[in-house]
Amino acid sequence: MRTILDEIEAAEIRPVFSSVYRQLERSGELRKFVFLEGSYLALLDGTGYFFSNKVYCASCLQKVNQKTGKVTYYHQIVGGVIIHPNCREVIALMPEPIVKQDGEKKNDCERNASKRFLARLKEDYLDVIFTITEDALSPNAPHIHEIKKHEHHFILGVKEGDHEYLFEQVALARQEGRTTQFEEHRGDVLHRFSFINQMPLNKSNPDFW
């Protein structure tokens, strides 16, 4: 199976993904995935699917063990699926390979692949608005700019260790009573939430939120 598939360019299977989407749209099944303001919630993440110390190709990413000099060859992708909190099923979107580009000596990276993913997502689904959701590796100004450029919404996770300034500003707002607080009981568990808009992403981007 690998011998057969290795000869196929990833771009050749792209129409299959949009074809499935259109069939779900025509059947009405897609309506149950509408999430926020008419948009669809699209989960993006990077993942690896091939590792070897012996088998490799020209597009392989490479990692060299500094102690032993041993080279690990690997492939990764930025994958995306349309999801909904009330649906167990997901709708796969065309993944973007993280591969060494022609003529390049340096490894490709998830950030560059995500940029290509968003551009091609817009090409394949021109009139569709997505709410992009990602983990805490994604919230940086260049990436958010790319999402906004393609007119999508976003829900991005953040961690205190990576966004110390943001968490400081939220804590200050909470002390000053500028946050909205509410609680919700779910069974025996009490959930506490605080909410505020227009917080700066980081100190370098005080007007970027």
N, C-alpha and C. Protein backbone atom coordinates (compact mmCIF):
# COMPACT_ATOMS: atom_id res chain seq x y z
N MET A 1 0.83 -1.20 0.00
CA MET A 1 0.00 0.00 0.00
C MET A 1 0.87 1.26 0.00
N ARG A 2 1.94 1.25 0.82
CA ARG A 2 2.80 2.43 0.87
C ARG A 2 3.48 2.66 -0.47
N THR A 3 3.90 1.56 -1.14
CA THR A 3 4.58 1.67 -2.43
C THR A 3 3.66 2.33 -3.46
N ILE A 4 2.37 2.01 -3.40
CA ILE A 4 1.41 2.61 -4.33
C ILE A 4 1.18 4.08 -4.00
N LEU A 5 0.94 4.37 -2.73
CA LEU A 5 0.57 5.73 -2.33
C LEU A 5 1.73 6.71 -2.37
N ASP A 6 2.95 6.23 -2.19
CA ASP A 6 4.11 7.12 -2.19
C ASP A 6 4.27 7.87 -3.50
N GLU A 7 3.77 7.32 -4.58
CA GLU A 7 3.92 7.94 -5.90
C GLU A 7 2.86 8.99 -6.18
N ILE A 8 1.88 9.12 -5.29
CA ILE A 8 0.77 10.05 -5.53
C ILE A 8 1.04 11.38 -4.83
N GLU A 9 0.93 12.47 -5.57
CA GLU A 9 1.06 13.80 -4.97
C GLU A 9 -0.15 14.09 -4.10
N ALA A 10 0.10 14.70 -2.95
CA ALA A 10 -1.00 14.98 -2.01
C ALA A 10 -2.09 15.83 -2.67
N ALA A 11 -1.70 16.76 -3.54
CA ALA A 11 -2.67 17.65 -4.17
C ALA A 11 -3.68 16.90 -5.03
N GLU A 12 -3.33 15.71 -5.49
CA GLU A 12 -4.22 14.95 -6.36
C GLU A 12 -5.46 14.44 -5.63
N ILE A 13 -5.38 14.28 -4.32
CA ILE A 13 -6.55 13.78 -3.58
C ILE A 13 -7.36 14.91 -2.95
N ARG A 14 -6.94 16.16 -3.13
CA ARG A 14 -7.66 17.30 -2.55
C ARG A 14 -9.14 17.35 -2.97
N PRO A 15 -9.47 17.13 -4.25
CA PRO A 15 -10.89 17.21 -4.64
C PRO A 15 -11.79 16.23 -3.90
N VAL A 16 -11.24 15.12 -3.40
CA VAL A 16 -12.06 14.14 -2.70
C VAL A 16 -12.68 14.76 -1.45
N PHE A 17 -11.91 15.56 -0.73
CA PHE A 17 -12.38 16.15 0.52
C PHE A 17 -13.50 17.16 0.28
N SER A 18 -13.32 18.03 -0.73
CA SER A 18 -14.37 19.01 -1.01
C SER A 18 -15.61 18.33 -1.59
N SER A 19 -15.42 17.19 -2.30
CA SER A 19 -16.55 16.45 -2.84
C SER A 19 -17.42 15.89 -1.72
N VAL A 20 -16.79 15.33 -0.68
CA VAL A 20 -17.54 14.83 0.47
C VAL A 20 -18.31 15.97 1.14
N TYR A 21 -17.66 17.12 1.28
CA TYR A 21 -18.30 18.28 1.89
C TYR A 21 -19.54 18.68 1.09
N ARG A 22 -19.42 18.74 -0.24
CA ARG A 22 -20.55 19.16 -1.08
C ARG A 22 -21.70 18.17 -1.00
N GLN A 23 -21.39 16.88 -0.93
CA GLN A 23 -22.44 15.87 -0.81
C GLN A 23 -23.19 16.01 0.52
N LEU A 24 -22.45 16.29 1.60
CA LEU A 24 -23.09 16.50 2.90
C LEU A 24 -23.92 17.77 2.88
N GLU A 25 -23.45 18.76 2.15
CA GLU A 25 -24.19 20.02 2.03
C GLU A 25 -25.51 19.81 1.28
N ARG A 26 -25.46 19.07 0.17
CA ARG A 26 -26.66 18.83 -0.62
C ARG A 26 -27.69 17.98 0.13
N SER A 27 -27.20 17.05 0.94
CA SER A 27 -28.10 16.16 1.68
C SER A 27 -28.72 16.81 2.90
N GLY A 28 -28.20 17.96 3.30
CA GLY A 28 -28.70 18.65 4.49
C GLY A 28 -28.02 18.23 5.78
N GLU A 29 -27.14 17.22 5.71
CA GLU A 29 -26.44 16.73 6.90
C GLU A 29 -25.50 17.78 7.48
N LEU A 30 -25.04 18.68 6.63
CA LEU A 30 -24.06 19.68 7.08
C LEU A 30 -24.67 20.70 8.03
N ARG A 31 -25.99 20.86 7.97
CA ARG A 31 -26.64 21.88 8.80
C ARG A 31 -26.42 21.65 10.29
N LYS A 32 -26.31 20.39 10.71
CA LYS A 32 -26.14 20.13 12.14
C LYS A 32 -24.75 20.49 12.63
N PHE A 33 -23.84 20.84 11.71
CA PHE A 33 -22.49 21.25 12.12
C PHE A 33 -22.34 22.77 12.20
N VAL A 34 -23.38 23.53 11.85
CA VAL A 34 -23.30 24.99 11.97
C VAL A 34 -23.07 25.33 13.44
N PHE A 35 -22.06 26.17 13.70
CA PHE A 35 -21.62 26.39 15.08
C PHE A 35 -21.89 27.79 15.59
N LEU A 36 -21.20 28.79 15.07
CA LEU A 36 -21.27 30.14 15.63
C LEU A 36 -21.43 31.15 14.50
N GLU A 37 -22.52 31.92 14.56
CA GLU A 37 -22.79 32.96 13.56
C GLU A 37 -22.71 32.41 12.14
N GLY A 38 -23.24 31.20 11.95
CA GLY A 38 -23.26 30.60 10.63
C GLY A 38 -21.96 29.95 10.19
N SER A 39 -20.97 29.93 11.08
CA SER A 39 -19.67 29.35 10.74
C SER A 39 -19.60 27.89 11.16
N TYR A 40 -18.57 27.22 10.69
CA TYR A 40 -18.29 25.84 11.08
C TYR A 40 -17.02 25.80 11.92
N LEU A 41 -17.05 25.02 12.98
CA LEU A 41 -15.92 24.91 13.90
C LEU A 41 -14.90 23.94 13.30
N ALA A 42 -13.70 24.45 12.99
CA ALA A 42 -12.65 23.63 12.38
C ALA A 42 -11.48 23.49 13.34
N LEU A 43 -11.21 22.27 13.74
CA LEU A 43 -10.11 21.96 14.66
C LEU A 43 -8.85 21.69 13.86
N LEU A 44 -7.77 22.43 14.14
CA LEU A 44 -6.48 22.25 13.46
C LEU A 44 -5.44 21.78 14.45
N ASP A 45 -4.57 20.88 14.01
CA ASP A 45 -3.46 20.44 14.87
C ASP A 45 -2.42 19.75 14.00
N GLY A 46 -1.18 19.77 14.47
CA GLY A 46 -0.11 19.07 13.78
C GLY A 46 0.09 17.69 14.36
N THR A 47 0.47 16.75 13.52
CA THR A 47 0.71 15.39 13.99
C THR A 47 1.73 14.70 13.10
N GLY A 48 2.42 13.72 13.66
CA GLY A 48 3.38 12.93 12.89
C GLY A 48 2.78 11.59 12.51
N TYR A 49 3.19 11.05 11.35
CA TYR A 49 2.63 9.77 10.93
C TYR A 49 3.68 8.82 10.35
N PHE A 50 4.94 9.26 10.29
CA PHE A 50 5.98 8.36 9.79
C PHE A 50 7.31 8.72 10.45
N PHE A 51 8.02 7.69 10.96
CA PHE A 51 9.35 7.86 11.55
C PHE A 51 10.21 6.67 11.14
N SER A 52 11.46 6.93 10.77
CA SER A 52 12.36 5.83 10.41
C SER A 52 13.80 6.31 10.47
N ASN A 53 14.69 5.39 10.79
CA ASN A 53 16.13 5.67 10.74
C ASN A 53 16.75 5.14 9.45
N LYS A 54 15.94 4.45 8.64
CA LYS A 54 16.47 3.82 7.43
C LYS A 54 15.74 4.25 6.16
N VAL A 55 14.41 4.29 6.23
CA VAL A 55 13.61 4.62 5.06
C VAL A 55 13.38 6.14 5.01
N TYR A 56 13.64 6.75 3.85
CA TYR A 56 13.46 8.20 3.74
C TYR A 56 13.27 8.59 2.28
N CYS A 57 12.85 9.84 2.09
CA CYS A 57 12.68 10.38 0.74
C CYS A 57 13.18 11.82 0.73
N ALA A 58 13.14 12.45 -0.44
CA ALA A 58 13.65 13.82 -0.57
C ALA A 58 12.83 14.83 0.23
N SER A 59 11.57 14.49 0.52
CA SER A 59 10.70 15.41 1.24
C SER A 59 10.72 15.20 2.75
N CYS A 60 11.46 14.20 3.23
CA CYS A 60 11.49 13.90 4.65
C CYS A 60 12.08 15.05 5.47
N LEU A 61 11.48 15.29 6.62
CA LEU A 61 12.11 16.14 7.62
C LEU A 61 13.17 15.30 8.32
N GLN A 62 14.18 15.97 8.87
CA GLN A 62 15.28 15.24 9.48
C GLN A 62 15.59 15.79 10.86
N LYS A 63 15.88 14.86 11.78
CA LYS A 63 16.30 15.23 13.13
C LYS A 63 17.58 14.46 13.44
N VAL A 64 18.63 15.18 13.81
CA VAL A 64 19.93 14.56 14.06
C VAL A 64 20.20 14.53 15.56
N ASN A 65 20.49 13.34 16.09
CA ASN A 65 20.88 13.20 17.50
C ASN A 65 22.28 13.78 17.67
N GLN A 66 22.41 14.83 18.47
CA GLN A 66 23.68 15.53 18.61
C GLN A 66 24.76 14.68 19.26
N LYS A 67 24.37 13.68 20.03
CA LYS A 67 25.36 12.83 20.71
C LYS A 67 25.85 11.69 19.81
N THR A 68 24.92 11.07 19.09
CA THR A 68 25.29 9.89 18.30
C THR A 68 25.41 10.18 16.82
N GLY A 69 24.86 11.31 16.37
CA GLY A 69 24.86 11.62 14.95
C GLY A 69 23.81 10.85 14.16
N LYS A 70 23.00 10.07 14.84
CA LYS A 70 21.98 9.26 14.19
C LYS A 70 20.86 10.16 13.64
N VAL A 71 20.46 9.91 12.39
CA VAL A 71 19.44 10.72 11.73
C VAL A 71 18.09 10.00 11.78
N THR A 72 17.07 10.73 12.21
CA THR A 72 15.70 10.23 12.17
C THR A 72 14.97 10.96 11.07
N TYR A 73 14.35 10.21 10.17
CA TYR A 73 13.56 10.78 9.08
C TYR A 73 12.08 10.67 9.46
N TYR A 74 11.34 11.74 9.18
CA TYR A 74 9.94 11.71 9.59
C TYR A 74 9.07 12.60 8.72
N HIS A 75 7.77 12.33 8.76
CA HIS A 75 6.77 13.13 8.06
C HIS A 75 5.72 13.59 9.06
N GLN A 76 5.25 14.84 8.87
CA GLN A 76 4.20 15.40 9.70
C GLN A 76 3.18 16.10 8.81
N ILE A 77 2.02 16.37 9.36
CA ILE A 77 0.99 17.13 8.66
C ILE A 77 0.31 18.09 9.61
N VAL A 78 -0.31 19.12 9.07
CA VAL A 78 -1.31 19.90 9.79
C VAL A 78 -2.66 19.37 9.33
N GLY A 79 -3.37 18.74 10.25
CA GLY A 79 -4.66 18.16 9.91
C GLY A 79 -5.79 19.05 10.38
N GLY A 80 -6.94 18.93 9.73
CA GLY A 80 -8.10 19.71 10.11
C GLY A 80 -9.38 18.92 9.95
N VAL A 81 -10.31 19.10 10.87
CA VAL A 81 -11.62 18.46 10.79
C VAL A 81 -12.69 19.46 11.22
N ILE A 82 -13.86 19.35 10.61
CA ILE A 82 -15.01 20.13 11.04
C ILE A 82 -15.68 19.35 12.18
N ILE A 83 -15.88 20.02 13.30
CA ILE A 83 -16.45 19.37 14.47
C ILE A 83 -17.64 20.17 15.00
N HIS A 84 -18.38 19.58 15.92
CA HIS A 84 -19.45 20.29 16.62
C HIS A 84 -19.59 19.65 18.00
N PRO A 85 -19.78 20.44 19.04
CA PRO A 85 -19.89 19.89 20.40
C PRO A 85 -20.97 18.83 20.56
N ASN A 86 -22.02 18.89 19.72
CA ASN A 86 -23.13 17.95 19.86
C ASN A 86 -23.07 16.78 18.89
N CYS A 87 -21.98 16.69 18.13
CA CYS A 87 -21.86 15.62 17.14
C CYS A 87 -20.64 14.75 17.44
N ARG A 88 -20.82 13.45 17.38
CA ARG A 88 -19.70 12.53 17.57
C ARG A 88 -18.90 12.37 16.28
N GLU A 89 -19.53 12.63 15.14
CA GLU A 89 -18.84 12.51 13.86
C GLU A 89 -18.03 13.78 13.57
N VAL A 90 -17.01 13.64 12.74
CA VAL A 90 -16.25 14.79 12.25
C VAL A 90 -16.17 14.70 10.74
N ILE A 91 -15.90 15.84 10.09
CA ILE A 91 -15.75 15.90 8.64
C ILE A 91 -14.31 16.29 8.34
N ALA A 92 -13.58 15.40 7.70
CA ALA A 92 -12.16 15.64 7.45
C ALA A 92 -11.95 16.71 6.37
N LEU A 93 -10.98 17.57 6.61
CA LEU A 93 -10.52 18.54 5.63
C LEU A 93 -9.17 18.08 5.08
N MET A 94 -8.82 18.56 3.91
CA MET A 94 -7.56 18.15 3.30
C MET A 94 -6.38 18.58 4.18
N PRO A 95 -5.55 17.63 4.65
CA PRO A 95 -4.40 18.00 5.48
C PRO A 95 -3.31 18.67 4.65
N GLU A 96 -2.46 19.41 5.32
CA GLU A 96 -1.34 20.08 4.66
C GLU A 96 -0.03 19.43 5.11
N PRO A 97 0.70 18.81 4.19
CA PRO A 97 1.95 18.15 4.57
C PRO A 97 2.99 19.15 5.08
N ILE A 98 3.71 18.74 6.11
CA ILE A 98 4.87 19.50 6.58
C ILE A 98 6.09 18.79 6.01
N VAL A 99 6.53 19.24 4.85
CA VAL A 99 7.61 18.55 4.15
C VAL A 99 8.68 19.54 3.74
N LYS A 100 9.87 19.03 3.53
CA LYS A 100 10.96 19.88 3.06
C LYS A 100 10.63 20.35 1.65
N GLN A 101 10.58 21.66 1.47
CA GLN A 101 10.20 22.22 0.18
C GLN A 101 11.32 22.08 -0.84
N ASP A 102 10.95 22.04 -2.12
CA ASP A 102 11.94 21.91 -3.19
C ASP A 102 12.99 23.00 -3.10
N GLY A 103 14.26 22.60 -3.13
CA GLY A 103 15.36 23.56 -3.10
C GLY A 103 15.72 24.06 -1.73
N GLU A 104 15.01 23.62 -0.70
CA GLU A 104 15.28 24.06 0.67
C GLU A 104 16.09 23.01 1.43
N LYS A 105 17.00 23.48 2.26
CA LYS A 105 17.80 22.58 3.09
C LYS A 105 17.24 22.49 4.50
N LYS A 106 16.53 23.53 4.93
CA LYS A 106 15.97 23.54 6.28
C LYS A 106 14.63 22.81 6.29
N ASN A 107 14.29 22.27 7.46
CA ASN A 107 13.00 21.63 7.64
C ASN A 107 11.87 22.64 7.49
N ASP A 108 10.76 22.15 6.96
CA ASP A 108 9.52 22.92 7.00
C ASP A 108 9.04 22.93 8.46
N CYS A 109 8.02 23.74 8.76
CA CYS A 109 7.53 23.78 10.15
C CYS A 109 6.02 23.88 10.15
N GLU A 110 5.44 23.63 11.33
CA GLU A 110 3.99 23.64 11.47
C GLU A 110 3.42 25.01 11.18
N ARG A 111 4.12 26.07 11.55
CA ARG A 111 3.62 27.42 11.31
C ARG A 111 3.47 27.71 9.82
N ASN A 112 4.48 27.34 9.02
CA ASN A 112 4.41 27.54 7.58
C ASN A 112 3.31 26.69 6.95
N ALA A 113 3.19 25.45 7.43
CA ALA A 113 2.16 24.55 6.90
C ALA A 113 0.77 25.08 7.25
N SER A 114 0.62 25.64 8.44
CA SER A 114 -0.68 26.20 8.84
C SER A 114 -1.06 27.38 7.94
N LYS A 115 -0.06 28.17 7.57
CA LYS A 115 -0.30 29.30 6.66
C LYS A 115 -0.81 28.79 5.31
N ARG A 116 -0.18 27.74 4.79
CA ARG A 116 -0.63 27.16 3.53
C ARG A 116 -2.01 26.52 3.68
N PHE A 117 -2.25 25.86 4.83
CA PHE A 117 -3.54 25.22 5.08
C PHE A 117 -4.66 26.25 5.00
N LEU A 118 -4.49 27.39 5.67
CA LEU A 118 -5.53 28.41 5.70
C LEU A 118 -5.78 28.99 4.32
N ALA A 119 -4.72 29.20 3.55
CA ALA A 119 -4.87 29.75 2.19
C ALA A 119 -5.64 28.78 1.30
N ARG A 120 -5.33 27.49 1.38
CA ARG A 120 -5.99 26.50 0.54
C ARG A 120 -7.40 26.20 1.03
N LEU A 121 -7.62 26.36 2.34
CA LEU A 121 -8.97 26.20 2.88
C LEU A 121 -9.89 27.24 2.27
N LYS A 122 -9.38 28.46 2.14
CA LYS A 122 -10.18 29.53 1.53
C LYS A 122 -10.43 29.25 0.06
N GLU A 123 -9.45 28.69 -0.64
CA GLU A 123 -9.62 28.36 -2.05
C GLU A 123 -10.69 27.28 -2.24
N ASP A 124 -10.66 26.26 -1.39
CA ASP A 124 -11.58 25.12 -1.54
C ASP A 124 -12.99 25.44 -1.07
N TYR A 125 -13.12 26.35 -0.08
CA TYR A 125 -14.44 26.67 0.50
C TYR A 125 -14.59 28.19 0.52
N LEU A 126 -14.68 28.76 -0.66
CA LEU A 126 -14.60 30.22 -0.83
C LEU A 126 -15.64 30.98 -0.02
N ASP A 127 -16.87 30.48 0.00
CA ASP A 127 -17.95 31.22 0.66
C ASP A 127 -18.25 30.72 2.07
N VAL A 128 -17.40 29.86 2.61
CA VAL A 128 -17.63 29.27 3.93
C VAL A 128 -16.78 30.00 4.97
N ILE A 129 -17.40 30.34 6.10
CA ILE A 129 -16.66 30.94 7.21
C ILE A 129 -16.42 29.86 8.26
N PHE A 130 -15.18 29.73 8.69
CA PHE A 130 -14.83 28.76 9.71
C PHE A 130 -14.45 29.48 11.01
N THR A 131 -14.72 28.85 12.13
CA THR A 131 -14.17 29.27 13.41
C THR A 131 -13.02 28.31 13.71
N ILE A 132 -11.81 28.81 13.58
CA ILE A 132 -10.62 27.98 13.73
C ILE A 132 -10.30 27.81 15.21
N THR A 133 -10.17 26.57 15.65
CA THR A 133 -9.80 26.32 17.04
C THR A 133 -8.53 25.49 17.08
N GLU A 134 -7.57 25.91 17.94
CA GLU A 134 -6.27 25.25 18.02
C GLU A 134 -5.76 25.27 19.46
N ASP A 135 -4.67 24.54 19.69
CA ASP A 135 -4.10 24.45 21.03
C ASP A 135 -3.21 25.65 21.32
N ALA A 136 -2.50 25.60 22.44
CA ALA A 136 -1.75 26.75 22.94
C ALA A 136 -0.47 27.05 22.16
N LEU A 137 -0.13 26.25 21.16
CA LEU A 137 1.03 26.56 20.32
C LEU A 137 0.70 27.59 19.25
N SER A 138 -0.59 27.83 19.02
CA SER A 138 -1.01 28.63 17.87
C SER A 138 -1.18 30.13 18.09
N PRO A 139 -1.51 30.62 19.30
CA PRO A 139 -1.83 32.04 19.44
C PRO A 139 -0.62 32.96 19.39
N ASN A 140 -0.22 33.31 18.18
CA ASN A 140 0.81 34.32 17.97
C ASN A 140 0.31 35.28 16.91
N ALA A 141 0.86 36.49 16.91
CA ALA A 141 0.33 37.55 16.04
C ALA A 141 0.34 37.17 14.55
N PRO A 142 1.45 36.62 14.00
CA PRO A 142 1.44 36.28 12.56
C PRO A 142 0.34 35.27 12.20
N HIS A 143 0.14 34.26 13.06
CA HIS A 143 -0.86 33.25 12.75
C HIS A 143 -2.27 33.82 12.85
N ILE A 144 -2.54 34.61 13.87
CA ILE A 144 -3.86 35.22 14.01
C ILE A 144 -4.13 36.16 12.83
N HIS A 145 -3.08 36.85 12.38
CA HIS A 145 -3.22 37.72 11.20
C HIS A 145 -3.66 36.91 9.99
N GLU A 146 -3.09 35.72 9.80
CA GLU A 146 -3.46 34.86 8.68
C GLU A 146 -4.92 34.44 8.77
N ILE A 147 -5.37 34.08 9.97
CA ILE A 147 -6.77 33.68 10.15
C ILE A 147 -7.70 34.84 9.80
N LYS A 148 -7.37 36.02 10.30
CA LYS A 148 -8.21 37.19 10.03
C LYS A 148 -8.18 37.57 8.56
N LYS A 149 -7.02 37.39 7.92
CA LYS A 149 -6.89 37.74 6.49
C LYS A 149 -7.89 36.96 5.64
N HIS A 150 -8.15 35.72 6.05
CA HIS A 150 -9.10 34.88 5.31
C HIS A 150 -10.51 34.97 5.86
N GLU A 151 -10.73 35.95 6.76
CA GLU A 151 -12.05 36.30 7.28
C GLU A 151 -12.70 35.18 8.09
N HIS A 152 -11.88 34.43 8.81
CA HIS A 152 -12.40 33.40 9.69
C HIS A 152 -12.40 33.90 11.13
N HIS A 153 -13.20 33.25 11.98
CA HIS A 153 -13.17 33.49 13.42
C HIS A 153 -12.13 32.54 14.03
N PHE A 154 -11.88 32.70 15.33
CA PHE A 154 -10.93 31.78 15.96
C PHE A 154 -11.17 31.66 17.46
N ILE A 155 -10.90 30.46 17.97
CA ILE A 155 -10.88 30.18 19.40
C ILE A 155 -9.56 29.45 19.66
N LEU A 156 -8.62 30.12 20.31
CA LEU A 156 -7.28 29.57 20.49
C LEU A 156 -6.96 29.42 21.97
N GLY A 157 -6.42 28.29 22.34
CA GLY A 157 -6.02 28.08 23.73
C GLY A 157 -4.75 28.84 24.06
N VAL A 158 -4.60 29.24 25.32
CA VAL A 158 -3.38 29.90 25.78
C VAL A 158 -2.95 29.29 27.11
N LYS A 159 -1.65 29.34 27.36
CA LYS A 159 -1.09 28.88 28.63
C LYS A 159 -0.37 30.04 29.31
N GLU A 160 -0.45 30.04 30.64
CA GLU A 160 0.14 31.14 31.40
C GLU A 160 1.63 31.26 31.15
N GLY A 161 2.32 30.12 31.01
CA GLY A 161 3.76 30.17 30.79
C GLY A 161 4.15 30.79 29.48
N ASP A 162 3.28 30.70 28.47
CA ASP A 162 3.56 31.25 27.14
C ASP A 162 3.01 32.66 26.97
N HIS A 163 2.00 33.03 27.77
CA HIS A 163 1.36 34.33 27.63
C HIS A 163 1.23 34.99 29.00
N GLU A 164 2.38 35.16 29.65
CA GLU A 164 2.40 35.71 31.00
C GLU A 164 1.76 37.09 31.07
N TYR A 165 2.08 37.96 30.10
CA TYR A 165 1.55 39.32 30.10
C TYR A 165 0.02 39.32 29.99
N LEU A 166 -0.51 38.46 29.11
CA LEU A 166 -1.96 38.36 28.95
C LEU A 166 -2.63 37.95 30.25
N PHE A 167 -2.07 36.96 30.93
CA PHE A 167 -2.67 36.49 32.18
C PHE A 167 -2.56 37.56 33.27
N GLU A 168 -1.49 38.33 33.26
CA GLU A 168 -1.34 39.43 34.22
C GLU A 168 -2.43 40.48 34.01
N GLN A 169 -2.72 40.79 32.75
CA GLN A 169 -3.75 41.80 32.45
C GLN A 169 -5.15 41.30 32.83
N VAL A 170 -5.40 40.01 32.63
CA VAL A 170 -6.69 39.44 33.02
C VAL A 170 -6.84 39.45 34.54
N ALA A 171 -5.75 39.09 35.25
CA ALA A 171 -5.79 39.10 36.71
C ALA A 171 -6.04 40.51 37.24
N LEU A 172 -5.41 41.51 36.61
CA LEU A 172 -5.61 42.90 37.01
C LEU A 172 -7.06 43.32 36.77
N ALA A 173 -7.60 42.92 35.62
CA ALA A 173 -8.99 43.26 35.30
C ALA A 173 -9.95 42.62 36.30
N ARG A 174 -9.63 41.40 36.73
CA ARG A 174 -10.49 40.71 37.70
C ARG A 174 -10.45 41.44 39.04
N GLN A 175 -9.25 41.90 39.46
CA GLN A 175 -9.12 42.64 40.71
C GLN A 175 -9.90 43.94 40.68
N GLU A 176 -9.94 44.56 39.51
CA GLU A 176 -10.61 45.86 39.36
C GLU A 176 -12.10 45.70 39.07
N GLY A 177 -12.58 44.46 39.02
CA GLY A 177 -14.01 44.21 38.80
C GLY A 177 -14.46 44.42 37.38
N ARG A 178 -13.55 44.31 36.42
CA ARG A 178 -13.91 44.53 35.01
C ARG A 178 -14.27 43.25 34.28
N THR A 179 -14.20 42.12 34.96
CA THR A 179 -14.56 40.85 34.32
C THR A 179 -16.00 40.46 34.69
N THR A 180 -16.59 39.65 33.84
CA THR A 180 -17.91 39.09 34.11
C THR A 180 -17.72 37.72 34.75
N GLN A 181 -18.26 37.52 35.93
CA GLN A 181 -18.09 36.26 36.67
C GLN A 181 -19.41 35.50 36.71
N PHE A 182 -19.36 34.20 36.54
CA PHE A 182 -20.56 33.39 36.76
C PHE A 182 -20.17 31.96 37.10
N GLU A 183 -21.13 31.28 37.73
CA GLU A 183 -20.91 29.91 38.18
C GLU A 183 -21.98 29.00 37.59
N GLU A 184 -21.63 27.72 37.45
CA GLU A 184 -22.58 26.75 36.91
C GLU A 184 -22.36 25.40 37.57
N HIS A 185 -23.43 24.81 38.07
CA HIS A 185 -23.37 23.48 38.67
C HIS A 185 -23.65 22.43 37.60
N ARG A 186 -22.76 21.44 37.52
CA ARG A 186 -22.98 20.29 36.64
C ARG A 186 -22.83 19.04 37.49
N GLY A 187 -23.96 18.51 37.92
CA GLY A 187 -23.91 17.39 38.86
C GLY A 187 -23.36 17.87 40.19
N ASP A 188 -22.32 17.20 40.68
CA ASP A 188 -21.70 17.57 41.95
C ASP A 188 -20.54 18.54 41.77
N VAL A 189 -20.31 18.99 40.53
CA VAL A 189 -19.15 19.84 40.24
C VAL A 189 -19.60 21.28 40.03
N LEU A 190 -18.89 22.20 40.68
CA LEU A 190 -19.15 23.63 40.52
C LEU A 190 -18.09 24.22 39.58
N HIS A 191 -18.53 24.83 38.48
CA HIS A 191 -17.61 25.46 37.54
C HIS A 191 -17.70 26.98 37.71
N ARG A 192 -16.54 27.62 37.81
CA ARG A 192 -16.48 29.08 37.91
C ARG A 192 -15.82 29.65 36.66
N PHE A 193 -16.42 30.69 36.10
CA PHE A 193 -15.92 31.31 34.87
C PHE A 193 -15.75 32.80 35.08
N SER A 194 -14.75 33.38 34.41
CA SER A 194 -14.66 34.84 34.32
C SER A 194 -14.42 35.18 32.86
N PHE A 195 -14.98 36.29 32.40
CA PHE A 195 -15.01 36.62 30.99
C PHE A 195 -14.68 38.09 30.79
N ILE A 196 -13.86 38.37 29.78
CA ILE A 196 -13.55 39.76 29.45
C ILE A 196 -13.11 39.84 28.00
N ASN A 197 -13.43 40.94 27.34
CA ASN A 197 -13.05 41.17 25.94
C ASN A 197 -11.84 42.08 25.85
N GLN A 198 -11.23 42.08 24.66
CA GLN A 198 -10.21 43.05 24.28
C GLN A 198 -9.00 43.07 25.21
N MET A 199 -8.50 41.88 25.52
CA MET A 199 -7.26 41.76 26.25
C MET A 199 -6.09 41.64 25.27
N PRO A 200 -4.95 42.29 25.54
CA PRO A 200 -3.81 42.25 24.62
C PRO A 200 -3.21 40.85 24.55
N LEU A 201 -2.82 40.44 23.35
CA LEU A 201 -2.22 39.12 23.16
C LEU A 201 -0.91 39.00 23.94
N ASN A 202 -0.06 40.01 23.83
CA ASN A 202 1.21 40.05 24.56
C ASN A 202 1.70 41.48 24.63
N LYS A 203 2.82 41.68 25.27
CA LYS A 203 3.34 43.04 25.47
C LYS A 203 3.76 43.68 24.16
N SER A 204 4.20 42.85 23.21
CA SER A 204 4.63 43.37 21.91
C SER A 204 3.46 43.74 21.01
N ASN A 205 2.28 43.23 21.34
CA ASN A 205 1.10 43.50 20.53
C ASN A 205 -0.06 43.96 21.42
N PRO A 206 0.09 45.15 22.04
CA PRO A 206 -0.93 45.60 22.99
C PRO A 206 -2.28 45.89 22.35
N ASP A 207 -2.30 46.16 21.03
CA ASP A 207 -3.55 46.46 20.35
C ASP A 207 -4.06 45.27 19.55
N PHE A 208 -3.43 44.11 19.74
CA PHE A 208 -3.79 42.92 18.97
C PHE A 208 -4.54 41.95 19.86
N TRP A 209 -5.84 41.81 19.66
CA TRP A 209 -6.66 40.91 20.48
C TRP A 209 -7.76 40.32 19.64
